[in-house]
Amino acid sequence: MTTLVPSVTTQPAEAPAPTVRQYIRYLFYKARPSWRQLSPDKRAEARSELLTILEPFAKQLAVLRAFSTLGTRADADFVLWMVSERLEDFQELQAAVLSSTMGAHLDTVYSYLAMTRRSQYIDRHVHAEQEGRRTRVKPTGRKYLFVYPMVKKRPWYRLSLEERQRAMDEHIRVGHEFPRVKINTSYSFGLDDQEFVVAFETDYPSDFLDLVERLRGGEASAYTERETPIFTCVAGSIDEILGLLG
């Protein structure tokens, strides 16, 4: 006698939802001499037009913040810090800026593109709002922002994970000595010319200066190929930042 065994269909396990990551862009502008040759009324009208253009992007993007570099850099006047889950948002914003009256008098002098990613080095270092665990950017609203691109030397990537972890443990411990400075590390591998873009938020520039000096002596720093240009940026509303251009 033959016993029939009903077939069992195995349902494939559902794949875990992918971690939501964000794109980050730092876009630096400088006003051309032609901007200040316009009459005050024409400049005011152009600033108002650009503010109106940027208003919907402030709602559309996860982050849209403005900072002035007037007086801290000779080659840039202001920066827009943008965060979004859509790369196309950056394209649309830049197209809108360049099509405006004021945009015709602005040069894009620097642009850095990156993404969020969970750091592989932070599991031994746990504290509230741990940088490196987050894949979403949460600005603090502090007054000063220090931004720079970074490239590591290729021998860094040939070290074992254990060797790199040891160097980064030291690096992270030093960072914890400066709690008034918040770091935002983003990753650019294959997206842009640099490998990382690092942004530090603080109300105390002296803390940032002391932090950077301390980090220079660390093991991880010896594997840094480049971490310039460095931008010292002062926060303000978009209206205030554009107003500084006259």
Foldseek 3Di string as FASTA:
>chain_A
DDDDDDDDDDDDDDDDDDDQKKKKKKWFKDFAPVLVVDDPVVLVVLLVVLCVLCVVVCVQFPDWFKWALVPVDPQTGIIIITMHSDPVSVVVSLVSLCPTPRVVRMDGDDMDMFMFDADPQCPVPDDPPDARHDRDDDDPPAFKKKKWFWAFAPVLVVDDPVVNNVLVVVLVVLVVVLVQKDKHKTAQVVNDDGGIMIMIGHNDVVSVVVSVVVNCPTPRVVGTPDTDDMGIIGTDHSSVSSVVVD
